[in-house]
N, C-alpha and C. Protein backbone atom coordinates (compact mmCIF):
# COMPACT_ATOMS: atom_id res chain seq x y z
N MET A 1 16.67 -51.48 -69.13
CA MET A 1 17.22 -50.19 -69.02
C MET A 1 16.36 -49.32 -68.12
N ALA A 2 16.97 -48.68 -67.13
CA ALA A 2 16.24 -47.96 -66.10
C ALA A 2 15.83 -46.53 -66.57
N ALA A 3 16.45 -46.01 -67.57
CA ALA A 3 16.11 -44.61 -68.00
C ALA A 3 15.19 -44.68 -69.24
N GLN A 4 14.26 -43.67 -69.25
CA GLN A 4 13.36 -43.55 -70.36
C GLN A 4 13.71 -42.30 -71.12
N LYS A 5 13.48 -42.24 -72.39
CA LYS A 5 13.73 -41.10 -73.19
C LYS A 5 12.47 -40.22 -73.18
N GLY A 6 12.60 -38.95 -72.76
CA GLY A 6 11.47 -38.06 -72.75
C GLY A 6 11.20 -37.50 -74.14
N ASN A 7 10.18 -36.69 -74.25
CA ASN A 7 9.76 -36.20 -75.52
C ASN A 7 10.70 -35.07 -76.11
N LYS A 8 11.48 -34.46 -75.23
CA LYS A 8 12.34 -33.43 -75.70
C LYS A 8 13.83 -33.82 -75.64
N GLY A 9 14.09 -35.11 -75.63
CA GLY A 9 15.44 -35.64 -75.65
C GLY A 9 16.12 -35.71 -74.26
N THR A 10 15.36 -35.39 -73.18
CA THR A 10 15.91 -35.53 -71.86
C THR A 10 15.75 -36.94 -71.37
N VAL A 11 16.63 -37.33 -70.48
CA VAL A 11 16.60 -38.66 -69.91
C VAL A 11 15.87 -38.58 -68.56
N ARG A 12 14.83 -39.35 -68.43
CA ARG A 12 14.09 -39.40 -67.18
C ARG A 12 14.26 -40.69 -66.53
N ARG A 13 14.56 -40.66 -65.23
CA ARG A 13 14.73 -41.92 -64.47
C ARG A 13 13.33 -42.32 -63.90
N ARG A 14 13.04 -43.61 -63.99
CA ARG A 14 11.81 -44.11 -63.39
C ARG A 14 11.93 -44.09 -61.87
N ARG A 15 10.96 -43.48 -61.21
CA ARG A 15 11.00 -43.36 -59.79
C ARG A 15 10.67 -44.70 -59.13
N GLU A 16 11.62 -45.20 -58.36
CA GLU A 16 11.36 -46.54 -57.72
C GLU A 16 10.48 -46.32 -56.49
N ARG A 17 9.66 -47.33 -56.22
CA ARG A 17 8.70 -47.23 -55.11
C ARG A 17 9.41 -47.55 -53.81
N LYS A 18 9.51 -46.54 -52.94
CA LYS A 18 10.08 -46.76 -51.61
C LYS A 18 8.99 -47.33 -50.72
N ASN A 19 9.42 -47.99 -49.63
CA ASN A 19 8.42 -48.48 -48.66
C ASN A 19 8.68 -47.79 -47.33
N ILE A 20 8.08 -46.58 -47.16
CA ILE A 20 8.29 -45.78 -45.98
C ILE A 20 6.93 -45.67 -45.27
N GLU A 21 6.90 -46.08 -44.01
CA GLU A 21 5.62 -46.06 -43.28
C GLU A 21 5.44 -44.82 -42.48
N ARG A 22 6.53 -44.27 -41.88
CA ARG A 22 6.41 -43.08 -41.06
C ARG A 22 7.21 -41.95 -41.68
N GLY A 23 6.74 -40.74 -41.50
CA GLY A 23 7.44 -39.59 -42.11
C GLY A 23 7.00 -38.33 -41.39
N ALA A 24 7.42 -37.19 -42.02
CA ALA A 24 7.09 -35.88 -41.54
C ALA A 24 6.53 -35.05 -42.69
N ALA A 25 5.51 -34.28 -42.41
CA ALA A 25 4.92 -33.32 -43.43
C ALA A 25 5.28 -31.94 -42.97
N HIS A 26 6.04 -31.23 -43.83
CA HIS A 26 6.45 -29.85 -43.54
C HIS A 26 5.53 -28.96 -44.40
N ILE A 27 4.75 -28.12 -43.70
CA ILE A 27 3.84 -27.21 -44.39
C ILE A 27 4.39 -25.77 -44.21
N GLN A 28 4.81 -25.14 -45.31
CA GLN A 28 5.28 -23.77 -45.19
C GLN A 28 4.18 -22.89 -45.87
N SER A 29 3.55 -22.10 -45.04
CA SER A 29 2.42 -21.29 -45.49
C SER A 29 2.74 -19.85 -45.35
N THR A 30 3.00 -19.16 -46.48
CA THR A 30 3.25 -17.75 -46.47
C THR A 30 1.98 -16.98 -46.90
N PHE A 31 2.11 -15.69 -46.96
CA PHE A 31 0.96 -14.90 -47.45
C PHE A 31 0.68 -15.09 -48.87
N ASN A 32 1.67 -15.55 -49.64
CA ASN A 32 1.54 -15.67 -51.07
C ASN A 32 1.41 -17.12 -51.63
N ASN A 33 1.82 -18.11 -50.85
CA ASN A 33 1.88 -19.49 -51.39
C ASN A 33 1.86 -20.48 -50.23
N THR A 34 1.59 -21.73 -50.50
CA THR A 34 1.71 -22.79 -49.52
C THR A 34 2.46 -23.97 -50.14
N ILE A 35 3.52 -24.43 -49.48
CA ILE A 35 4.34 -25.51 -49.95
C ILE A 35 4.25 -26.67 -48.97
N VAL A 36 3.91 -27.84 -49.44
CA VAL A 36 3.82 -29.02 -48.57
C VAL A 36 4.88 -29.99 -49.03
N THR A 37 5.78 -30.36 -48.09
CA THR A 37 6.84 -31.35 -48.45
C THR A 37 6.70 -32.48 -47.42
N ILE A 38 6.65 -33.71 -47.94
CA ILE A 38 6.59 -34.91 -47.10
C ILE A 38 7.91 -35.62 -47.17
N THR A 39 8.49 -35.84 -46.00
CA THR A 39 9.88 -36.47 -45.95
C THR A 39 9.79 -37.75 -45.20
N ASP A 40 10.92 -38.51 -45.30
CA ASP A 40 11.02 -39.73 -44.43
C ASP A 40 11.60 -39.25 -43.07
N THR A 41 11.89 -40.19 -42.17
CA THR A 41 12.37 -39.78 -40.83
C THR A 41 13.76 -39.16 -40.85
N GLN A 42 14.54 -39.44 -41.90
CA GLN A 42 15.86 -38.80 -42.06
C GLN A 42 15.81 -37.42 -42.61
N GLY A 43 14.68 -37.00 -43.16
CA GLY A 43 14.54 -35.70 -43.75
C GLY A 43 14.66 -35.68 -45.29
N ASN A 44 14.75 -36.86 -45.90
CA ASN A 44 14.83 -36.91 -47.37
C ASN A 44 13.40 -36.78 -47.94
N ALA A 45 13.29 -35.88 -48.91
CA ALA A 45 11.96 -35.60 -49.50
C ALA A 45 11.40 -36.78 -50.23
N VAL A 46 10.18 -37.19 -49.96
CA VAL A 46 9.47 -38.26 -50.63
C VAL A 46 8.53 -37.63 -51.68
N SER A 47 7.80 -36.57 -51.31
CA SER A 47 6.95 -35.85 -52.26
C SER A 47 6.82 -34.45 -51.80
N TRP A 48 6.43 -33.60 -52.78
CA TRP A 48 6.17 -32.22 -52.45
C TRP A 48 5.14 -31.66 -53.41
N ALA A 49 4.46 -30.61 -53.05
CA ALA A 49 3.55 -29.90 -53.93
C ALA A 49 3.34 -28.50 -53.38
N SER A 50 3.09 -27.58 -54.27
CA SER A 50 2.78 -26.20 -53.84
C SER A 50 1.62 -25.71 -54.60
N SER A 51 1.06 -24.61 -54.11
CA SER A 51 -0.15 -24.03 -54.74
C SER A 51 0.20 -23.54 -56.11
N GLY A 52 1.38 -22.87 -56.29
CA GLY A 52 1.77 -22.38 -57.57
C GLY A 52 2.10 -23.44 -58.57
N GLU A 53 2.69 -24.56 -58.09
CA GLU A 53 3.04 -25.66 -58.96
C GLU A 53 1.78 -26.29 -59.55
N LEU A 54 0.68 -26.24 -58.82
CA LEU A 54 -0.57 -26.84 -59.30
C LEU A 54 -1.37 -25.95 -60.19
N GLY A 55 -0.88 -24.81 -60.56
CA GLY A 55 -1.54 -23.98 -61.53
C GLY A 55 -2.28 -22.76 -60.95
N PHE A 56 -2.33 -22.64 -59.60
CA PHE A 56 -2.94 -21.46 -59.08
C PHE A 56 -2.01 -20.31 -59.26
N ARG A 57 -2.54 -19.17 -59.64
CA ARG A 57 -1.75 -18.00 -59.90
C ARG A 57 -2.29 -16.75 -59.14
N GLY A 58 -1.43 -15.85 -58.86
CA GLY A 58 -1.84 -14.57 -58.25
C GLY A 58 -2.41 -14.79 -56.84
N SER A 59 -3.53 -14.08 -56.60
CA SER A 59 -4.11 -14.13 -55.28
C SER A 59 -4.78 -15.49 -54.97
N ARG A 60 -5.01 -16.35 -55.99
CA ARG A 60 -5.63 -17.62 -55.70
C ARG A 60 -4.63 -18.61 -55.12
N LYS A 61 -3.32 -18.33 -55.25
CA LYS A 61 -2.28 -19.19 -54.67
C LYS A 61 -2.35 -19.20 -53.15
N SER A 62 -2.78 -18.15 -52.58
CA SER A 62 -2.70 -18.03 -51.12
C SER A 62 -4.00 -18.46 -50.43
N THR A 63 -4.94 -19.01 -51.16
CA THR A 63 -6.21 -19.42 -50.59
C THR A 63 -6.13 -20.78 -49.85
N PRO A 64 -7.00 -21.00 -48.89
CA PRO A 64 -7.04 -22.34 -48.25
C PRO A 64 -7.35 -23.46 -49.18
N PHE A 65 -8.13 -23.22 -50.21
CA PHE A 65 -8.42 -24.28 -51.18
C PHE A 65 -7.15 -24.71 -51.93
N ALA A 66 -6.31 -23.79 -52.28
CA ALA A 66 -5.10 -24.05 -52.98
C ALA A 66 -4.15 -24.88 -52.06
N ALA A 67 -4.12 -24.51 -50.79
CA ALA A 67 -3.32 -25.27 -49.82
C ALA A 67 -3.84 -26.69 -49.65
N GLN A 68 -5.14 -26.81 -49.61
CA GLN A 68 -5.80 -28.15 -49.52
C GLN A 68 -5.43 -29.02 -50.71
N THR A 69 -5.46 -28.45 -51.91
CA THR A 69 -5.18 -29.21 -53.11
C THR A 69 -3.69 -29.63 -53.11
N ALA A 70 -2.81 -28.71 -52.67
CA ALA A 70 -1.38 -29.07 -52.59
C ALA A 70 -1.13 -30.20 -51.59
N ALA A 71 -1.81 -30.15 -50.42
CA ALA A 71 -1.59 -31.18 -49.45
C ALA A 71 -2.14 -32.55 -49.90
N GLU A 72 -3.27 -32.54 -50.60
CA GLU A 72 -3.85 -33.79 -51.14
C GLU A 72 -2.90 -34.41 -52.18
N THR A 73 -2.31 -33.57 -53.01
CA THR A 73 -1.42 -34.04 -54.05
C THR A 73 -0.15 -34.72 -53.45
N ALA A 74 0.42 -33.98 -52.45
CA ALA A 74 1.65 -34.49 -51.81
C ALA A 74 1.31 -35.75 -51.03
N ALA A 75 0.18 -35.81 -50.39
CA ALA A 75 -0.18 -37.00 -49.60
C ALA A 75 -0.38 -38.20 -50.49
N ARG A 76 -1.05 -38.01 -51.64
CA ARG A 76 -1.31 -39.12 -52.56
C ARG A 76 -0.01 -39.75 -53.06
N ILE A 77 0.95 -38.89 -53.38
CA ILE A 77 2.24 -39.45 -53.87
C ILE A 77 2.98 -40.10 -52.72
N ALA A 78 2.89 -39.57 -51.52
CA ALA A 78 3.58 -40.21 -50.38
C ALA A 78 2.96 -41.56 -50.03
N MET A 79 1.60 -41.65 -50.16
CA MET A 79 0.93 -42.90 -49.85
C MET A 79 1.24 -43.96 -50.90
N GLU A 80 1.56 -43.56 -52.14
CA GLU A 80 2.01 -44.52 -53.15
C GLU A 80 3.35 -45.12 -52.73
N HIS A 81 4.12 -44.39 -51.96
CA HIS A 81 5.40 -44.93 -51.49
C HIS A 81 5.26 -45.69 -50.16
N GLY A 82 4.00 -45.87 -49.77
CA GLY A 82 3.74 -46.71 -48.53
C GLY A 82 3.65 -45.96 -47.26
N MET A 83 3.53 -44.64 -47.30
CA MET A 83 3.47 -43.88 -46.03
C MET A 83 2.11 -43.98 -45.42
N LYS A 84 2.08 -44.17 -44.09
CA LYS A 84 0.81 -44.33 -43.36
C LYS A 84 0.62 -43.22 -42.33
N SER A 85 1.69 -42.82 -41.62
CA SER A 85 1.51 -41.79 -40.58
C SER A 85 2.57 -40.72 -40.74
N VAL A 86 2.21 -39.51 -40.37
CA VAL A 86 3.12 -38.39 -40.44
C VAL A 86 3.05 -37.52 -39.21
N GLU A 87 4.17 -36.87 -38.91
CA GLU A 87 4.20 -35.78 -37.95
C GLU A 87 4.17 -34.50 -38.76
N VAL A 88 3.33 -33.53 -38.37
CA VAL A 88 3.15 -32.33 -39.16
C VAL A 88 3.88 -31.17 -38.52
N TYR A 89 4.70 -30.48 -39.28
CA TYR A 89 5.43 -29.30 -38.83
C TYR A 89 4.93 -28.11 -39.66
N VAL A 90 4.32 -27.14 -39.00
CA VAL A 90 3.75 -26.03 -39.70
C VAL A 90 4.60 -24.76 -39.51
N LYS A 91 4.89 -24.09 -40.59
CA LYS A 91 5.70 -22.86 -40.51
C LYS A 91 5.07 -21.75 -41.31
N GLY A 92 4.92 -20.57 -40.67
CA GLY A 92 4.47 -19.45 -41.41
C GLY A 92 3.06 -18.98 -41.01
N PRO A 93 2.68 -17.72 -41.39
CA PRO A 93 1.46 -17.15 -40.96
C PRO A 93 0.28 -17.23 -41.99
N GLY A 94 0.44 -18.03 -43.05
CA GLY A 94 -0.51 -17.96 -44.19
C GLY A 94 -1.87 -18.56 -43.87
N ALA A 95 -2.78 -18.35 -44.88
CA ALA A 95 -4.12 -18.75 -44.73
C ALA A 95 -4.34 -20.24 -44.86
N GLY A 96 -3.37 -20.98 -45.44
CA GLY A 96 -3.55 -22.39 -45.79
C GLY A 96 -3.09 -23.35 -44.73
N ARG A 97 -2.79 -22.90 -43.54
CA ARG A 97 -2.19 -23.81 -42.51
C ARG A 97 -3.20 -24.92 -42.11
N GLU A 98 -4.35 -24.54 -41.60
CA GLU A 98 -5.30 -25.52 -41.09
C GLU A 98 -5.93 -26.33 -42.26
N ALA A 99 -6.13 -25.73 -43.39
CA ALA A 99 -6.68 -26.44 -44.55
C ALA A 99 -5.75 -27.56 -44.99
N ALA A 100 -4.46 -27.29 -44.97
CA ALA A 100 -3.47 -28.29 -45.41
C ALA A 100 -3.46 -29.47 -44.41
N ILE A 101 -3.51 -29.21 -43.11
CA ILE A 101 -3.55 -30.25 -42.09
C ILE A 101 -4.75 -31.15 -42.28
N ARG A 102 -5.95 -30.50 -42.44
CA ARG A 102 -7.19 -31.23 -42.67
C ARG A 102 -7.16 -32.11 -43.92
N ALA A 103 -6.49 -31.56 -44.94
CA ALA A 103 -6.41 -32.30 -46.16
C ALA A 103 -5.50 -33.53 -46.05
N LEU A 104 -4.48 -33.43 -45.24
CA LEU A 104 -3.58 -34.60 -45.00
C LEU A 104 -4.37 -35.69 -44.27
N GLN A 105 -5.20 -35.28 -43.28
CA GLN A 105 -5.98 -36.27 -42.57
C GLN A 105 -7.05 -36.87 -43.48
N ALA A 106 -7.68 -36.07 -44.28
CA ALA A 106 -8.75 -36.55 -45.15
C ALA A 106 -8.22 -37.52 -46.21
N ALA A 107 -6.97 -37.33 -46.60
CA ALA A 107 -6.34 -38.14 -47.64
C ALA A 107 -6.03 -39.55 -47.11
N GLY A 108 -6.08 -39.75 -45.80
CA GLY A 108 -5.88 -41.07 -45.24
C GLY A 108 -4.57 -41.24 -44.44
N LEU A 109 -3.82 -40.13 -44.30
CA LEU A 109 -2.61 -40.21 -43.50
C LEU A 109 -2.97 -40.03 -42.04
N ASP A 110 -2.32 -40.79 -41.16
CA ASP A 110 -2.55 -40.69 -39.74
C ASP A 110 -1.62 -39.56 -39.21
N VAL A 111 -2.21 -38.50 -38.71
CA VAL A 111 -1.41 -37.40 -38.17
C VAL A 111 -1.13 -37.62 -36.69
N SER A 112 0.14 -37.94 -36.36
CA SER A 112 0.45 -38.31 -34.97
C SER A 112 0.84 -37.11 -34.15
N MET A 113 1.25 -36.05 -34.75
CA MET A 113 1.66 -34.88 -34.01
C MET A 113 1.57 -33.62 -34.89
N ILE A 114 1.22 -32.50 -34.29
CA ILE A 114 1.21 -31.23 -35.03
C ILE A 114 2.08 -30.24 -34.21
N LYS A 115 3.05 -29.63 -34.87
CA LYS A 115 3.99 -28.72 -34.15
C LYS A 115 4.14 -27.46 -34.99
N ASP A 116 4.05 -26.32 -34.35
CA ASP A 116 4.27 -25.04 -35.01
C ASP A 116 5.72 -24.66 -34.89
N VAL A 117 6.46 -24.59 -36.02
CA VAL A 117 7.88 -24.23 -36.00
C VAL A 117 8.12 -22.90 -36.68
N THR A 118 7.17 -21.99 -36.58
CA THR A 118 7.32 -20.66 -37.17
C THR A 118 8.45 -19.94 -36.41
N PRO A 119 9.46 -19.44 -37.19
CA PRO A 119 10.54 -18.75 -36.52
C PRO A 119 10.05 -17.38 -35.96
N ILE A 120 10.34 -17.13 -34.70
CA ILE A 120 9.96 -15.87 -34.02
C ILE A 120 11.18 -15.12 -33.65
N PRO A 121 11.33 -13.88 -34.16
CA PRO A 121 12.61 -13.15 -33.86
C PRO A 121 12.61 -12.64 -32.41
N HIS A 122 13.77 -12.65 -31.80
CA HIS A 122 13.98 -12.01 -30.50
C HIS A 122 14.43 -10.55 -30.75
N ASN A 123 13.55 -9.81 -31.38
CA ASN A 123 13.81 -8.43 -31.84
C ASN A 123 14.97 -8.39 -32.81
N GLY A 124 14.83 -9.09 -33.93
CA GLY A 124 15.85 -9.14 -34.93
C GLY A 124 15.69 -8.05 -35.99
N CYS A 125 15.35 -8.41 -37.20
CA CYS A 125 15.25 -7.46 -38.31
C CYS A 125 14.01 -6.58 -38.16
N ARG A 126 14.10 -5.39 -38.71
CA ARG A 126 12.94 -4.50 -38.66
C ARG A 126 11.91 -5.06 -39.63
N PRO A 127 10.59 -5.13 -39.21
CA PRO A 127 9.56 -5.68 -40.09
C PRO A 127 9.22 -4.71 -41.21
N PRO A 128 8.56 -5.19 -42.28
CA PRO A 128 8.20 -4.30 -43.33
C PRO A 128 7.17 -3.31 -42.87
N LYS A 129 7.05 -2.17 -43.59
CA LYS A 129 6.11 -1.12 -43.19
C LYS A 129 4.69 -1.65 -43.30
N ARG A 130 3.83 -1.03 -42.54
CA ARG A 130 2.36 -1.46 -42.53
C ARG A 130 1.72 -1.13 -43.87
N ARG A 131 0.88 -2.03 -44.33
CA ARG A 131 0.16 -1.86 -45.55
C ARG A 131 -1.03 -0.89 -45.40
N ARG A 132 -1.22 -0.03 -46.35
CA ARG A 132 -2.37 0.89 -46.34
C ARG A 132 -3.21 0.51 -47.55
N VAL A 133 -4.29 -0.20 -47.32
CA VAL A 133 -5.12 -0.65 -48.43
C VAL A 133 -6.36 0.20 -48.57
């Protein structure tokens, strides 16, 4: 039987081990959080992790260390599925951009390309007012 009974009566499916060697790592780094999603070449998610999901709360979610931890977690799960090399797509202005890329490399994934895909408006919406701290 492929399904296991969880402790609260929910049915959990056992995750089968895929054998994916190449993929893409999408790093979305905002001022409040960092989300790392690792996909196969078709764009199907293999693993993901975020700073908030790992227990960081408040201002600690936006730190480079939280982004590094999220990238390490996502990379470890992806490498269990057989992933060896990734193309990295970085989106957003957050503090965890470089830390997440370094963590992917340190985890043992071969980074073949790094591309910044931050959306830049051609004078679209009015930006939020300036902060006075």
